[in-house]
Amino acid sequence: GPGGGPGPFGGGGSPNAPPTPRRGGGRLRRDDGPPGVSLLVRNVSPDTTTNDLHQAFSRIGVVRDVYIPRDYHSQQPKGFAFVEYASNEQAREARDEMDRFKMKGRELEVVFAQEKRKTPNEMRGRVVDGGEEEQRGGGPGEQRRGGPDE
């Protein structure tokens, strides 16, 4: 049938952010696109869930991922979280908007996450560093899709 997979967000990208073909070869679907921009959120209350954060931060832009690290042994949240946005602009706006935001009686502190930590996304089979190179050449699956004998 006609192309365009049923993405979870049904189009609706911001019009003033043209795709940058350099980074992914221009072939990748949007959800496999370039890695997002993560914010580090400090002073997160222990009873704050990823859902709480997702809802609060979704007011600013499309939240790709929320991750609350827990202590391996006690399973207690460590008191901070990572929120990933698709674009730098959204992340910057969210940092300005959500810094000092009160949640569950605590004032959040929001900064750009410095270290490039491995996110749970990569375990879900997202494109990791270097994965884009192989896709650019188009594997055998590419030619089959949408061939004349469909």
N, C-alpha and C. Protein backbone atom coordinates (compact mmCIF):
# COMPACT_ATOMS: atom_id res chain seq x y z
N GLY A 1 0.84 -1.20 0.00
CA GLY A 1 0.00 0.00 0.00
C GLY A 1 0.85 1.23 0.00
N PRO A 2 0.24 2.41 0.09
CA PRO A 2 1.05 3.65 0.12
C PRO A 2 1.91 3.69 1.37
N GLY A 3 3.07 4.34 1.28
CA GLY A 3 4.05 4.27 2.36
C GLY A 3 3.62 5.03 3.59
N GLY A 4 4.57 5.22 4.49
CA GLY A 4 4.30 5.95 5.73
C GLY A 4 3.78 5.03 6.79
N GLY A 5 4.64 4.55 7.66
CA GLY A 5 4.19 3.63 8.70
C GLY A 5 3.32 4.38 9.69
N PRO A 6 2.48 3.68 10.43
CA PRO A 6 1.62 4.37 11.42
C PRO A 6 2.43 4.71 12.65
N GLY A 7 3.15 5.82 12.64
CA GLY A 7 3.96 6.21 13.78
C GLY A 7 3.06 6.54 14.95
N PRO A 8 3.63 6.47 16.16
CA PRO A 8 2.79 6.72 17.35
C PRO A 8 2.29 8.15 17.42
N PHE A 9 2.99 9.08 16.77
CA PHE A 9 2.59 10.48 16.91
C PHE A 9 1.95 11.03 15.64
N GLY A 10 1.67 10.18 14.67
CA GLY A 10 0.96 10.61 13.47
C GLY A 10 1.43 11.92 12.88
N GLY A 11 2.67 11.99 12.43
CA GLY A 11 3.15 13.22 11.81
C GLY A 11 3.34 14.31 12.85
N GLY A 12 2.90 15.54 12.54
CA GLY A 12 2.88 16.59 13.53
C GLY A 12 4.25 17.04 14.01
N GLY A 13 5.29 16.87 13.21
CA GLY A 13 6.59 17.42 13.59
C GLY A 13 6.55 18.92 13.50
N SER A 14 7.46 19.63 14.18
CA SER A 14 7.41 21.08 14.10
C SER A 14 7.89 21.51 12.72
N PRO A 15 7.16 22.42 12.10
CA PRO A 15 7.45 22.78 10.71
C PRO A 15 8.80 23.47 10.54
N ASN A 16 9.30 24.14 11.58
CA ASN A 16 10.54 24.91 11.40
C ASN A 16 11.77 24.09 11.73
N ALA A 17 11.66 22.77 11.75
CA ALA A 17 12.84 21.95 11.99
C ALA A 17 13.03 21.02 10.80
N PRO A 18 13.74 21.50 9.78
CA PRO A 18 13.93 20.65 8.60
C PRO A 18 14.79 19.45 8.96
N PRO A 19 14.55 18.31 8.32
CA PRO A 19 15.37 17.14 8.60
C PRO A 19 16.80 17.38 8.15
N THR A 20 17.75 16.81 8.85
CA THR A 20 19.15 16.98 8.45
C THR A 20 19.63 15.66 7.87
N PRO A 21 19.62 15.57 6.55
CA PRO A 21 19.96 14.29 5.91
C PRO A 21 21.36 13.82 6.23
N ARG A 22 22.26 14.77 6.57
CA ARG A 22 23.65 14.37 6.83
C ARG A 22 23.73 13.30 7.90
N ARG A 23 22.91 13.41 8.95
CA ARG A 23 23.18 12.57 10.12
C ARG A 23 22.80 11.12 9.91
N GLY A 24 21.68 10.88 9.27
CA GLY A 24 21.24 9.49 9.17
C GLY A 24 21.16 9.00 7.75
N GLY A 25 21.66 9.77 6.78
CA GLY A 25 21.56 9.33 5.41
C GLY A 25 20.19 9.58 4.82
N GLY A 26 19.28 10.19 5.58
CA GLY A 26 17.99 10.55 5.05
C GLY A 26 17.03 9.39 4.86
N ARG A 27 17.47 8.16 5.13
CA ARG A 27 16.63 7.00 4.85
C ARG A 27 15.80 6.59 6.06
N LEU A 28 16.28 6.93 7.24
CA LEU A 28 15.70 6.33 8.44
C LEU A 28 14.32 6.91 8.71
N ARG A 29 13.45 6.07 9.25
CA ARG A 29 12.16 6.58 9.71
C ARG A 29 12.38 7.51 10.89
N ARG A 30 11.39 8.34 11.13
CA ARG A 30 11.58 9.34 12.16
C ARG A 30 11.88 8.74 13.52
N ASP A 31 11.22 7.64 13.86
CA ASP A 31 11.44 7.13 15.22
C ASP A 31 12.79 6.45 15.38
N ASP A 32 13.49 6.20 14.27
CA ASP A 32 14.85 5.68 14.41
C ASP A 32 15.85 6.81 14.28
N GLY A 33 15.36 8.03 14.26
CA GLY A 33 16.19 9.17 13.88
C GLY A 33 17.35 9.41 14.80
N PRO A 34 17.97 10.56 14.65
CA PRO A 34 19.16 10.86 15.46
C PRO A 34 18.83 10.78 16.93
N PRO A 35 19.82 10.51 17.75
CA PRO A 35 19.56 10.37 19.19
C PRO A 35 18.99 11.65 19.75
N GLY A 36 18.13 11.52 20.74
CA GLY A 36 17.51 12.70 21.31
C GLY A 36 18.44 13.43 22.25
N VAL A 37 17.90 14.46 22.88
CA VAL A 37 18.66 15.28 23.81
C VAL A 37 18.10 15.04 25.20
N SER A 38 18.95 14.62 26.12
CA SER A 38 18.47 14.28 27.46
C SER A 38 18.70 15.41 28.44
N LEU A 39 17.73 15.59 29.30
CA LEU A 39 17.86 16.52 30.42
C LEU A 39 18.01 15.70 31.69
N LEU A 40 18.82 16.21 32.59
CA LEU A 40 18.96 15.60 33.90
C LEU A 40 18.07 16.40 34.86
N VAL A 41 17.17 15.68 35.53
CA VAL A 41 16.24 16.32 36.47
C VAL A 41 16.64 15.89 37.87
N ARG A 42 17.00 16.86 38.71
CA ARG A 42 17.44 16.54 40.07
C ARG A 42 16.32 16.85 41.06
N ASN A 43 16.53 16.35 42.28
CA ASN A 43 15.60 16.61 43.39
C ASN A 43 14.23 16.01 43.11
N VAL A 44 14.22 14.84 42.47
CA VAL A 44 12.96 14.16 42.18
C VAL A 44 12.50 13.40 43.42
N SER A 45 11.27 13.60 43.81
CA SER A 45 10.73 12.92 44.98
C SER A 45 10.65 11.42 44.74
N PRO A 46 10.87 10.62 45.80
CA PRO A 46 10.87 9.15 45.62
C PRO A 46 9.54 8.61 45.12
N ASP A 47 8.44 9.31 45.36
CA ASP A 47 7.17 8.76 44.88
C ASP A 47 6.76 9.34 43.53
N THR A 48 7.68 10.03 42.87
CA THR A 48 7.42 10.51 41.52
C THR A 48 7.64 9.35 40.54
N THR A 49 6.70 9.15 39.63
CA THR A 49 6.83 8.07 38.65
C THR A 49 7.28 8.63 37.31
N THR A 50 7.71 7.73 36.43
CA THR A 50 8.07 8.18 35.08
C THR A 50 6.86 8.82 34.41
N ASN A 51 5.67 8.31 34.76
CA ASN A 51 4.46 8.88 34.18
C ASN A 51 4.24 10.33 34.61
N ASP A 52 4.49 10.62 35.90
CA ASP A 52 4.37 12.00 36.39
C ASP A 52 5.27 12.92 35.57
N LEU A 53 6.51 12.48 35.41
CA LEU A 53 7.47 13.32 34.70
C LEU A 53 7.07 13.45 33.23
N HIS A 54 6.65 12.33 32.66
CA HIS A 54 6.27 12.35 31.24
C HIS A 54 5.16 13.38 31.01
N GLN A 55 4.15 13.36 31.89
CA GLN A 55 3.04 14.30 31.71
C GLN A 55 3.50 15.74 31.87
N ALA A 56 4.30 15.99 32.89
CA ALA A 56 4.72 17.37 33.14
C ALA A 56 5.59 17.90 32.00
N PHE A 57 6.51 17.07 31.54
CA PHE A 57 7.46 17.54 30.53
C PHE A 57 6.86 17.51 29.12
N SER A 58 5.76 16.78 28.94
CA SER A 58 5.12 16.73 27.62
C SER A 58 4.46 18.05 27.27
N ARG A 59 4.27 18.92 28.27
CA ARG A 59 3.67 20.21 27.94
C ARG A 59 4.57 21.02 27.03
N ILE A 60 5.86 20.76 27.06
CA ILE A 60 6.81 21.57 26.32
C ILE A 60 7.08 20.98 24.94
N GLY A 61 7.19 19.66 24.87
CA GLY A 61 7.50 19.04 23.58
C GLY A 61 7.26 17.55 23.66
N VAL A 62 7.65 16.86 22.59
CA VAL A 62 7.43 15.42 22.55
C VAL A 62 8.51 14.73 23.38
N VAL A 63 8.10 14.09 24.46
CA VAL A 63 9.04 13.39 25.33
C VAL A 63 9.25 11.99 24.76
N ARG A 64 10.50 11.69 24.41
CA ARG A 64 10.78 10.38 23.84
C ARG A 64 10.96 9.31 24.90
N ASP A 65 11.55 9.70 26.02
CA ASP A 65 11.87 8.69 27.01
C ASP A 65 12.03 9.35 28.38
N VAL A 66 11.59 8.65 29.41
CA VAL A 66 11.82 9.10 30.79
C VAL A 66 12.45 7.93 31.52
N TYR A 67 13.51 8.22 32.24
CA TYR A 67 14.24 7.15 32.92
C TYR A 67 14.57 7.60 34.33
N ILE A 68 14.14 6.82 35.33
CA ILE A 68 14.46 7.13 36.72
C ILE A 68 15.39 6.02 37.23
N PRO A 69 16.67 6.33 37.39
CA PRO A 69 17.60 5.29 37.87
C PRO A 69 17.23 4.87 39.29
N ARG A 70 17.34 3.57 39.55
CA ARG A 70 17.10 3.06 40.89
C ARG A 70 18.36 2.38 41.41
N ASP A 71 18.47 2.37 42.71
CA ASP A 71 19.58 1.66 43.33
C ASP A 71 19.42 0.17 43.06
N TYR A 72 20.48 -0.46 42.66
CA TYR A 72 20.40 -1.86 42.23
C TYR A 72 19.89 -2.77 43.34
N HIS A 73 20.35 -2.52 44.55
CA HIS A 73 20.00 -3.43 45.64
C HIS A 73 18.69 -3.06 46.31
N SER A 74 18.54 -1.81 46.68
CA SER A 74 17.35 -1.44 47.46
C SER A 74 16.16 -1.12 46.55
N GLN A 75 16.42 -0.93 45.23
CA GLN A 75 15.37 -0.55 44.29
C GLN A 75 14.74 0.79 44.64
N GLN A 76 15.42 1.58 45.47
CA GLN A 76 14.92 2.92 45.77
C GLN A 76 15.38 3.87 44.66
N PRO A 77 14.49 4.77 44.23
CA PRO A 77 14.92 5.77 43.24
C PRO A 77 16.06 6.60 43.79
N LYS A 78 16.97 7.00 42.91
CA LYS A 78 18.15 7.72 43.38
C LYS A 78 17.91 9.21 43.53
N GLY A 79 16.71 9.67 43.19
CA GLY A 79 16.41 11.08 43.40
C GLY A 79 16.68 11.96 42.20
N PHE A 80 16.93 11.34 41.05
CA PHE A 80 17.04 12.14 39.83
C PHE A 80 16.48 11.33 38.67
N ALA A 81 16.35 11.98 37.53
CA ALA A 81 15.74 11.32 36.38
C ALA A 81 16.30 11.91 35.10
N PHE A 82 16.15 11.17 34.03
CA PHE A 82 16.51 11.67 32.71
C PHE A 82 15.25 11.78 31.86
N VAL A 83 15.10 12.91 31.18
CA VAL A 83 13.98 13.11 30.27
C VAL A 83 14.57 13.40 28.90
N GLU A 84 14.16 12.63 27.91
CA GLU A 84 14.74 12.79 26.57
C GLU A 84 13.75 13.43 25.62
N TYR A 85 14.21 14.49 24.95
CA TYR A 85 13.43 15.14 23.89
C TYR A 85 14.06 14.84 22.54
N ALA A 86 13.24 15.00 21.50
CA ALA A 86 13.74 14.71 20.16
C ALA A 86 14.69 15.79 19.68
N SER A 87 14.52 17.02 20.11
CA SER A 87 15.35 18.10 19.56
C SER A 87 15.95 18.96 20.66
N ASN A 88 17.04 19.59 20.28
CA ASN A 88 17.76 20.47 21.18
C ASN A 88 16.90 21.65 21.61
N GLU A 89 16.09 22.18 20.67
CA GLU A 89 15.27 23.35 20.98
C GLU A 89 14.27 23.01 22.08
N GLN A 90 13.62 21.84 21.93
CA GLN A 90 12.63 21.46 22.93
C GLN A 90 13.29 21.24 24.28
N ALA A 91 14.45 20.61 24.26
CA ALA A 91 15.14 20.36 25.52
C ALA A 91 15.51 21.67 26.21
N ARG A 92 15.96 22.64 25.41
CA ARG A 92 16.37 23.91 26.01
C ARG A 92 15.15 24.62 26.60
N GLU A 93 14.05 24.58 25.85
CA GLU A 93 12.83 25.22 26.34
C GLU A 93 12.34 24.53 27.61
N ALA A 94 12.41 23.21 27.63
CA ALA A 94 11.95 22.46 28.80
C ALA A 94 12.83 22.77 30.00
N ARG A 95 14.13 22.93 29.74
CA ARG A 95 15.01 23.24 30.86
C ARG A 95 14.60 24.58 31.47
N ASP A 96 14.31 25.56 30.60
CA ASP A 96 13.92 26.88 31.12
C ASP A 96 12.57 26.82 31.82
N GLU A 97 11.63 26.07 31.24
CA GLU A 97 10.28 26.00 31.79
C GLU A 97 10.22 25.21 33.09
N MET A 98 10.92 24.06 33.10
CA MET A 98 10.72 23.09 34.17
C MET A 98 11.71 23.24 35.32
N ASP A 99 12.76 24.02 35.13
CA ASP A 99 13.66 24.27 36.25
C ASP A 99 12.87 25.01 37.33
N ARG A 100 13.01 24.56 38.55
CA ARG A 100 12.28 25.13 39.70
C ARG A 100 10.80 24.78 39.70
N PHE A 101 10.39 23.84 38.84
CA PHE A 101 8.99 23.40 38.81
C PHE A 101 8.71 22.56 40.06
N LYS A 102 7.57 22.84 40.71
CA LYS A 102 7.26 22.10 41.94
C LYS A 102 6.54 20.81 41.60
N MET A 103 7.07 19.70 42.07
CA MET A 103 6.41 18.42 41.86
C MET A 103 6.48 17.62 43.15
N LYS A 104 5.32 17.22 43.65
CA LYS A 104 5.23 16.45 44.90
C LYS A 104 5.97 17.17 46.03
N GLY A 105 5.84 18.50 46.07
CA GLY A 105 6.43 19.25 47.16
C GLY A 105 7.91 19.54 47.02
N ARG A 106 8.49 19.14 45.89
CA ARG A 106 9.91 19.44 45.71
C ARG A 106 10.10 20.33 44.50
N GLU A 107 11.16 21.13 44.56
CA GLU A 107 11.46 22.01 43.44
C GLU A 107 12.47 21.30 42.55
N LEU A 108 12.07 20.99 41.33
CA LEU A 108 12.98 20.28 40.43
C LEU A 108 14.13 21.18 40.00
N GLU A 109 15.24 20.57 39.75
CA GLU A 109 16.37 21.28 39.15
C GLU A 109 16.67 20.58 37.83
N VAL A 110 16.63 21.34 36.73
CA VAL A 110 16.76 20.74 35.40
C VAL A 110 17.99 21.29 34.70
N VAL A 111 18.85 20.39 34.27
CA VAL A 111 20.06 20.79 33.54
C VAL A 111 20.22 19.83 32.35
N PHE A 112 21.08 20.22 31.41
CA PHE A 112 21.39 19.29 30.33
C PHE A 112 22.20 18.13 30.89
N ALA A 113 21.86 16.92 30.48
CA ALA A 113 22.62 15.76 30.92
C ALA A 113 23.96 15.78 30.19
N GLN A 114 25.03 15.72 30.95
CA GLN A 114 26.35 15.85 30.33
C GLN A 114 26.81 14.54 29.72
N GLU A 115 26.85 13.50 30.52
CA GLU A 115 27.46 12.28 30.01
C GLU A 115 26.51 11.61 29.04
N LYS A 116 27.09 10.93 28.05
CA LYS A 116 26.28 10.21 27.08
C LYS A 116 26.02 8.83 27.64
N ARG A 117 25.05 8.70 28.54
CA ARG A 117 24.83 7.39 29.10
C ARG A 117 24.06 6.52 28.12
N LYS A 118 24.24 5.22 28.27
CA LYS A 118 23.50 4.28 27.44
C LYS A 118 22.07 4.24 27.96
N THR A 119 21.12 4.61 27.14
CA THR A 119 19.74 4.64 27.60
C THR A 119 19.08 3.29 27.35
N PRO A 120 17.97 3.06 28.03
CA PRO A 120 17.24 1.79 27.80
C PRO A 120 16.78 1.68 26.35
N ASN A 121 16.71 2.81 25.64
CA ASN A 121 16.29 2.77 24.24
C ASN A 121 17.11 1.79 23.44
N GLU A 122 18.41 1.78 23.72
CA GLU A 122 19.28 0.99 22.86
C GLU A 122 18.98 -0.48 23.00
N MET A 123 18.43 -0.87 24.16
CA MET A 123 18.09 -2.26 24.34
C MET A 123 16.81 -2.60 23.58
N ARG A 124 16.05 -1.58 23.23
CA ARG A 124 14.81 -1.83 22.50
C ARG A 124 15.07 -1.89 21.01
N GLY A 125 16.32 -1.97 20.63
CA GLY A 125 16.61 -2.13 19.22
C GLY A 125 16.58 -0.84 18.44
N ARG A 126 16.77 0.29 19.11
CA ARG A 126 16.91 1.53 18.35
C ARG A 126 18.26 1.51 17.64
N VAL A 127 18.42 2.40 16.68
CA VAL A 127 19.70 2.49 15.99
C VAL A 127 20.73 3.06 16.96
N VAL A 128 21.82 2.34 17.17
CA VAL A 128 22.87 2.85 18.04
C VAL A 128 23.98 3.42 17.17
N ASP A 129 25.00 3.98 17.80
CA ASP A 129 26.09 4.59 17.04
C ASP A 129 26.65 3.60 16.05
N GLY A 130 26.80 4.04 14.81
CA GLY A 130 27.36 3.16 13.80
C GLY A 130 26.31 2.37 13.06
N GLY A 131 25.13 2.20 13.67
CA GLY A 131 24.09 1.42 13.02
C GLY A 131 23.59 2.08 11.75
N GLU A 132 23.72 3.41 11.70
CA GLU A 132 23.18 4.11 10.55
C GLU A 132 23.96 3.82 9.29
N GLU A 133 25.25 3.54 9.45
CA GLU A 133 26.07 3.29 8.27
C GLU A 133 25.53 2.11 7.47
N GLU A 134 25.20 1.03 8.18
CA GLU A 134 24.73 -0.15 7.46
C GLU A 134 23.40 0.13 6.77
N GLN A 135 22.56 0.90 7.43
CA GLN A 135 21.25 1.15 6.84
C GLN A 135 21.35 2.01 5.60
N ARG A 136 22.36 2.85 5.53
CA ARG A 136 22.42 3.80 4.44
C ARG A 136 22.53 3.08 3.11
N GLY A 137 23.24 1.94 3.09
CA GLY A 137 23.40 1.22 1.84
C GLY A 137 22.14 0.51 1.41
N GLY A 138 21.16 0.39 2.29
CA GLY A 138 19.92 -0.28 1.94
C GLY A 138 20.12 -1.77 1.83
N GLY A 139 19.66 -2.49 2.83
CA GLY A 139 19.82 -3.94 2.80
C GLY A 139 18.87 -4.55 1.79
N PRO A 140 18.85 -5.87 1.70
CA PRO A 140 17.96 -6.54 0.74
C PRO A 140 16.50 -6.21 1.00
N GLY A 141 16.17 -5.92 2.26
CA GLY A 141 14.78 -5.59 2.57
C GLY A 141 14.32 -4.32 1.88
N GLU A 142 15.26 -3.40 1.62
CA GLU A 142 14.85 -2.12 1.05
C GLU A 142 14.29 -2.28 -0.35
N GLN A 143 14.97 -3.11 -1.18
CA GLN A 143 14.51 -3.22 -2.56
C GLN A 143 13.16 -3.93 -2.65
N ARG A 144 12.97 -4.94 -1.78
CA ARG A 144 11.71 -5.68 -1.85
C ARG A 144 10.53 -4.77 -1.57
N ARG A 145 10.71 -3.85 -0.63
CA ARG A 145 9.57 -3.05 -0.20
C ARG A 145 9.09 -2.14 -1.33
N GLY A 146 7.83 -2.17 -1.62
CA GLY A 146 7.27 -1.25 -2.60
C GLY A 146 7.74 -1.53 -4.00
N GLY A 147 8.07 -2.77 -4.30
CA GLY A 147 8.50 -3.12 -5.66
C GLY A 147 7.32 -3.07 -6.60
N PRO A 148 7.58 -3.19 -7.91
CA PRO A 148 6.49 -3.09 -8.89
C PRO A 148 5.50 -4.25 -8.80
N ASP A 149 5.96 -5.39 -8.26
CA ASP A 149 5.07 -6.55 -8.24
C ASP A 149 4.33 -6.66 -6.90
N GLU A 150 3.98 -5.52 -6.31
CA GLU A 150 3.33 -5.57 -5.00
C GLU A 150 1.87 -5.92 -5.15
